[in-house]
């Protein structure tokens, strides 16, 4: 796995991508690196979608990832108010040293 670069709090994966999402081969299957990062951080990702609060698909910083339902992720993609709130949450996390 290529090491992520640091960029404004995001840990960006610069290896192979599909539609902007980082991917690697794991146990003979192609996997998204943000899902691996979330799983390794102890998040329960089974049957769920991972929302990038930072809106950067190649970010693997687990402080920027949130496990949600597919429906919730789709709603958030279309909701400008949610996007602004997500940026606010990230700014708060940075101030507290978590992001």
N, C-alpha and C. Protein backbone atom coordinates (compact mmCIF):
# COMPACT_ATOMS: atom_id res chain seq x y z
N UNK A 1 0.85 -1.17 0.00
CA UNK A 1 0.00 0.00 0.00
C UNK A 1 0.89 1.23 0.00
N UNK A 2 0.55 2.20 -0.83
CA UNK A 2 1.30 3.45 -0.85
C UNK A 2 0.92 4.27 0.38
N UNK A 3 1.88 4.94 0.97
CA UNK A 3 1.62 5.74 2.15
C UNK A 3 0.82 6.97 1.78
N UNK A 4 -0.15 7.34 2.62
CA UNK A 4 -0.94 8.54 2.32
C UNK A 4 -0.12 9.80 2.54
N UNK A 5 -0.42 10.81 1.75
CA UNK A 5 0.20 12.13 1.94
C UNK A 5 -0.71 12.96 2.83
N UNK A 6 -0.13 13.84 3.61
CA UNK A 6 -0.93 14.71 4.46
C UNK A 6 -1.28 15.96 3.68
N UNK A 7 -2.54 16.36 3.74
CA UNK A 7 -3.00 17.52 3.00
C UNK A 7 -4.18 18.15 3.74
N UNK A 8 -3.93 19.17 4.53
CA UNK A 8 -5.01 19.86 5.22
C UNK A 8 -5.84 18.98 6.13
N UNK A 9 -5.23 18.02 6.77
CA UNK A 9 -5.97 17.12 7.66
C UNK A 9 -6.37 15.83 6.98
N UNK A 10 -6.47 15.84 5.67
CA UNK A 10 -6.78 14.62 4.94
C UNK A 10 -5.52 13.78 4.81
N UNK A 11 -5.69 12.48 4.87
CA UNK A 11 -4.61 11.54 4.56
C UNK A 11 -4.97 10.97 3.20
N UNK A 12 -4.33 11.49 2.17
CA UNK A 12 -4.71 11.16 0.80
C UNK A 12 -3.96 9.94 0.29
N UNK A 13 -4.69 9.03 -0.31
CA UNK A 13 -4.12 7.84 -0.92
C UNK A 13 -3.86 8.15 -2.39
N UNK A 14 -2.60 7.95 -2.82
CA UNK A 14 -2.22 8.31 -4.18
C UNK A 14 -1.94 7.11 -5.06
N UNK A 15 -2.36 5.92 -4.63
CA UNK A 15 -2.17 4.72 -5.45
C UNK A 15 -3.28 4.60 -6.49
N UNK A 16 -3.58 3.39 -6.85
CA UNK A 16 -4.61 3.11 -7.84
C UNK A 16 -5.98 3.59 -7.35
N UNK A 17 -6.77 4.18 -8.26
CA UNK A 17 -8.10 4.66 -7.91
C UNK A 17 -9.15 4.24 -8.93
N UNK A 18 -10.38 4.21 -8.49
CA UNK A 18 -11.55 4.05 -9.35
C UNK A 18 -12.55 5.12 -8.95
N UNK A 19 -12.93 5.98 -9.88
CA UNK A 19 -13.84 7.09 -9.59
C UNK A 19 -13.35 7.94 -8.41
N UNK A 20 -12.04 8.03 -8.24
CA UNK A 20 -11.47 8.83 -7.18
C UNK A 20 -11.24 8.10 -5.87
N UNK A 21 -11.80 6.90 -5.71
CA UNK A 21 -11.63 6.11 -4.49
C UNK A 21 -10.38 5.25 -4.60
N UNK A 22 -9.49 5.34 -3.58
CA UNK A 22 -8.29 4.52 -3.58
C UNK A 22 -8.65 3.05 -3.46
N UNK A 23 -7.87 2.21 -4.13
CA UNK A 23 -8.14 0.77 -4.07
C UNK A 23 -6.85 -0.03 -4.07
N UNK A 24 -6.91 -1.19 -3.44
CA UNK A 24 -5.80 -2.13 -3.43
C UNK A 24 -6.36 -3.54 -3.55
N UNK A 25 -5.45 -4.49 -3.79
CA UNK A 25 -5.83 -5.90 -3.79
C UNK A 25 -5.58 -6.45 -2.39
N UNK A 26 -6.58 -7.12 -1.84
CA UNK A 26 -6.47 -7.73 -0.52
C UNK A 26 -7.13 -9.09 -0.58
N UNK A 27 -6.35 -10.12 -0.27
CA UNK A 27 -6.87 -11.50 -0.31
C UNK A 27 -7.50 -11.83 -1.66
N UNK A 28 -6.86 -11.36 -2.73
CA UNK A 28 -7.32 -11.68 -4.08
C UNK A 28 -8.50 -10.86 -4.57
N UNK A 29 -8.93 -9.88 -3.80
CA UNK A 29 -10.07 -9.04 -4.20
C UNK A 29 -9.67 -7.57 -4.18
N UNK A 30 -10.29 -6.79 -5.02
CA UNK A 30 -10.07 -5.35 -5.02
C UNK A 30 -10.92 -4.74 -3.91
N UNK A 31 -10.27 -3.92 -3.07
CA UNK A 31 -10.94 -3.30 -1.92
C UNK A 31 -10.66 -1.80 -1.94
N UNK A 32 -11.63 -1.04 -1.44
CA UNK A 32 -11.42 0.40 -1.29
C UNK A 32 -10.63 0.66 -0.02
N UNK A 33 -9.60 1.51 -0.12
CA UNK A 33 -8.71 1.74 1.02
C UNK A 33 -9.41 2.48 2.16
N UNK A 34 -10.39 3.33 1.88
CA UNK A 34 -11.08 4.00 2.97
C UNK A 34 -11.90 3.01 3.80
N UNK A 35 -12.41 1.96 3.16
CA UNK A 35 -13.15 0.92 3.90
C UNK A 35 -12.18 0.09 4.75
N UNK A 36 -11.00 -0.18 4.22
CA UNK A 36 -9.99 -0.91 5.00
C UNK A 36 -9.57 -0.08 6.22
N UNK A 37 -9.34 1.22 6.00
CA UNK A 37 -8.94 2.10 7.10
C UNK A 37 -10.02 2.13 8.19
N UNK A 38 -11.27 2.23 7.78
CA UNK A 38 -12.37 2.26 8.74
C UNK A 38 -12.47 0.94 9.50
N UNK A 39 -12.35 -0.16 8.78
CA UNK A 39 -12.41 -1.48 9.42
C UNK A 39 -11.28 -1.64 10.42
N UNK A 40 -10.06 -1.26 10.02
CA UNK A 40 -8.90 -1.40 10.91
C UNK A 40 -9.01 -0.49 12.14
N UNK A 41 -9.78 0.60 12.02
CA UNK A 41 -9.99 1.50 13.15
C UNK A 41 -11.10 1.01 14.07
N UNK A 42 -11.69 -0.13 13.73
CA UNK A 42 -12.72 -0.72 14.58
C UNK A 42 -14.14 -0.33 14.24
N UNK A 43 -14.33 0.36 13.12
CA UNK A 43 -15.69 0.73 12.71
C UNK A 43 -16.41 -0.49 12.16
N UNK A 44 -17.70 -0.62 12.45
CA UNK A 44 -18.52 -1.71 11.92
C UNK A 44 -19.03 -1.28 10.55
N UNK A 45 -18.38 -1.77 9.49
CA UNK A 45 -18.70 -1.31 8.14
C UNK A 45 -19.57 -2.30 7.37
N UNK A 46 -19.81 -3.46 7.91
CA UNK A 46 -20.53 -4.50 7.18
C UNK A 46 -21.93 -4.03 6.77
N UNK A 47 -22.18 -4.05 5.46
CA UNK A 47 -23.47 -3.66 4.93
C UNK A 47 -23.75 -2.17 4.98
N UNK A 48 -22.73 -1.38 5.26
CA UNK A 48 -22.90 0.07 5.38
C UNK A 48 -22.04 0.80 4.35
N UNK A 49 -22.29 2.08 4.21
CA UNK A 49 -21.53 2.97 3.35
C UNK A 49 -20.69 3.87 4.24
N UNK A 50 -19.56 4.30 3.72
CA UNK A 50 -18.71 5.22 4.49
C UNK A 50 -18.77 6.59 3.83
N UNK A 51 -19.17 7.57 4.62
CA UNK A 51 -19.26 8.95 4.13
C UNK A 51 -17.94 9.65 4.44
N UNK A 52 -17.38 10.30 3.44
CA UNK A 52 -16.20 11.14 3.62
C UNK A 52 -16.69 12.53 4.02
N UNK A 53 -16.55 12.88 5.29
CA UNK A 53 -16.99 14.20 5.75
C UNK A 53 -16.25 15.32 5.03
N UNK A 54 -15.01 15.04 4.64
CA UNK A 54 -14.19 16.04 3.94
C UNK A 54 -14.52 16.13 2.45
N UNK A 55 -15.35 15.21 1.96
CA UNK A 55 -15.77 15.14 0.55
C UNK A 55 -14.63 14.74 -0.40
N UNK A 56 -13.52 14.23 0.12
CA UNK A 56 -12.40 13.80 -0.72
C UNK A 56 -12.36 12.28 -0.76
N UNK A 57 -12.65 11.72 -1.91
CA UNK A 57 -12.80 10.28 -2.05
C UNK A 57 -11.54 9.48 -1.75
N UNK A 58 -10.37 10.08 -1.93
CA UNK A 58 -9.13 9.34 -1.68
C UNK A 58 -8.58 9.57 -0.27
N UNK A 59 -9.38 10.20 0.62
CA UNK A 59 -8.95 10.41 2.00
C UNK A 59 -9.17 9.15 2.82
N UNK A 60 -8.15 8.78 3.61
CA UNK A 60 -8.25 7.60 4.48
C UNK A 60 -8.09 7.98 5.95
N UNK A 61 -8.19 9.27 6.28
CA UNK A 61 -8.12 9.70 7.67
C UNK A 61 -9.43 9.28 8.35
N UNK A 62 -9.34 8.36 9.31
CA UNK A 62 -10.56 7.82 9.92
C UNK A 62 -11.36 8.89 10.67
N UNK A 63 -10.72 9.99 11.06
CA UNK A 63 -11.46 11.09 11.68
C UNK A 63 -12.37 11.78 10.67
N UNK A 64 -12.14 11.54 9.38
CA UNK A 64 -12.95 12.14 8.31
C UNK A 64 -13.99 11.16 7.77
N UNK A 65 -14.03 9.95 8.29
CA UNK A 65 -14.92 8.91 7.78
C UNK A 65 -16.03 8.63 8.78
N UNK A 66 -17.24 8.44 8.27
CA UNK A 66 -18.37 8.12 9.14
C UNK A 66 -19.19 7.02 8.47
N UNK A 67 -19.51 5.98 9.23
CA UNK A 67 -20.30 4.85 8.73
C UNK A 67 -21.77 5.24 8.77
N UNK A 68 -22.43 5.14 7.60
CA UNK A 68 -23.85 5.51 7.49
C UNK A 68 -24.54 4.51 6.56
N UNK A 69 -25.86 4.58 6.52
CA UNK A 69 -26.62 3.77 5.57
C UNK A 69 -26.45 4.34 4.17
N UNK A 70 -26.73 3.54 3.18
CA UNK A 70 -26.66 4.00 1.79
C UNK A 70 -27.60 5.19 1.56
N UNK A 71 -28.80 5.08 2.15
CA UNK A 71 -29.80 6.13 2.00
C UNK A 71 -29.30 7.45 2.60
N UNK A 72 -28.69 7.36 3.80
CA UNK A 72 -28.18 8.57 4.44
C UNK A 72 -27.05 9.19 3.63
N UNK A 73 -26.18 8.36 3.10
CA UNK A 73 -25.07 8.87 2.29
C UNK A 73 -25.59 9.60 1.05
N UNK A 74 -26.59 9.03 0.40
CA UNK A 74 -27.19 9.66 -0.77
C UNK A 74 -27.84 10.98 -0.40
N UNK A 75 -28.55 11.01 0.73
CA UNK A 75 -29.19 12.25 1.19
C UNK A 75 -28.14 13.34 1.43
N UNK A 76 -27.05 12.94 2.08
CA UNK A 76 -25.99 13.90 2.40
C UNK A 76 -25.34 14.46 1.13
N UNK A 77 -25.18 13.63 0.11
CA UNK A 77 -24.56 14.08 -1.14
C UNK A 77 -25.35 15.22 -1.76
N UNK A 78 -26.66 15.21 -1.58
CA UNK A 78 -27.53 16.19 -2.22
C UNK A 78 -27.84 17.40 -1.34
N UNK A 79 -27.45 17.34 -0.07
CA UNK A 79 -27.83 18.35 0.90
C UNK A 79 -26.70 19.33 1.17
N UNK A 80 -26.82 20.54 0.63
CA UNK A 80 -25.79 21.57 0.80
C UNK A 80 -25.61 21.94 2.27
N UNK A 81 -26.69 21.96 3.04
CA UNK A 81 -26.60 22.28 4.47
C UNK A 81 -25.75 21.24 5.18
N UNK A 82 -25.95 19.95 4.85
CA UNK A 82 -25.14 18.90 5.47
C UNK A 82 -23.66 19.08 5.13
N UNK A 83 -23.36 19.41 3.88
CA UNK A 83 -21.96 19.59 3.49
C UNK A 83 -21.30 20.70 4.30
N UNK A 84 -22.01 21.78 4.51
CA UNK A 84 -21.47 22.88 5.32
C UNK A 84 -21.28 22.42 6.76
N UNK A 85 -22.22 21.65 7.29
CA UNK A 85 -22.11 21.15 8.65
C UNK A 85 -20.93 20.19 8.77
N UNK A 86 -20.71 19.34 7.77
CA UNK A 86 -19.58 18.42 7.79
C UNK A 86 -18.26 19.19 7.84
N UNK A 87 -18.16 20.26 7.07
CA UNK A 87 -16.96 21.08 7.11
C UNK A 87 -16.78 21.72 8.49
N UNK A 88 -17.88 22.12 9.11
CA UNK A 88 -17.83 22.67 10.46
C UNK A 88 -17.31 21.60 11.44
N UNK A 89 -17.83 20.36 11.33
CA UNK A 89 -17.37 19.28 12.20
C UNK A 89 -15.87 19.03 12.03
N UNK A 90 -15.39 19.04 10.80
CA UNK A 90 -13.97 18.83 10.56
C UNK A 90 -13.14 19.96 11.16
N UNK A 91 -13.63 21.19 11.02
CA UNK A 91 -12.91 22.33 11.60
C UNK A 91 -12.84 22.20 13.12
N UNK A 92 -13.92 21.78 13.74
CA UNK A 92 -13.93 21.59 15.19
C UNK A 92 -12.95 20.49 15.58
N UNK A 93 -12.91 19.41 14.83
CA UNK A 93 -11.99 18.30 15.13
C UNK A 93 -10.55 18.76 15.01
N UNK A 94 -10.24 19.57 14.02
CA UNK A 94 -8.89 20.10 13.85
C UNK A 94 -8.49 20.96 15.05
N UNK A 95 -9.42 21.78 15.51
CA UNK A 95 -9.14 22.64 16.66
C UNK A 95 -8.88 21.82 17.93
N UNK A 96 -9.53 20.66 18.01
CA UNK A 96 -9.36 19.79 19.17
C UNK A 96 -8.21 18.80 18.97
N UNK A 97 -7.59 18.84 17.79
CA UNK A 97 -6.45 17.98 17.51
C UNK A 97 -6.80 16.56 17.10
N UNK A 98 -8.06 16.31 16.73
CA UNK A 98 -8.48 14.95 16.36
C UNK A 98 -8.37 14.68 14.87
N UNK A 99 -8.37 15.69 14.05
CA UNK A 99 -8.36 15.46 12.60
C UNK A 99 -6.99 15.66 12.00
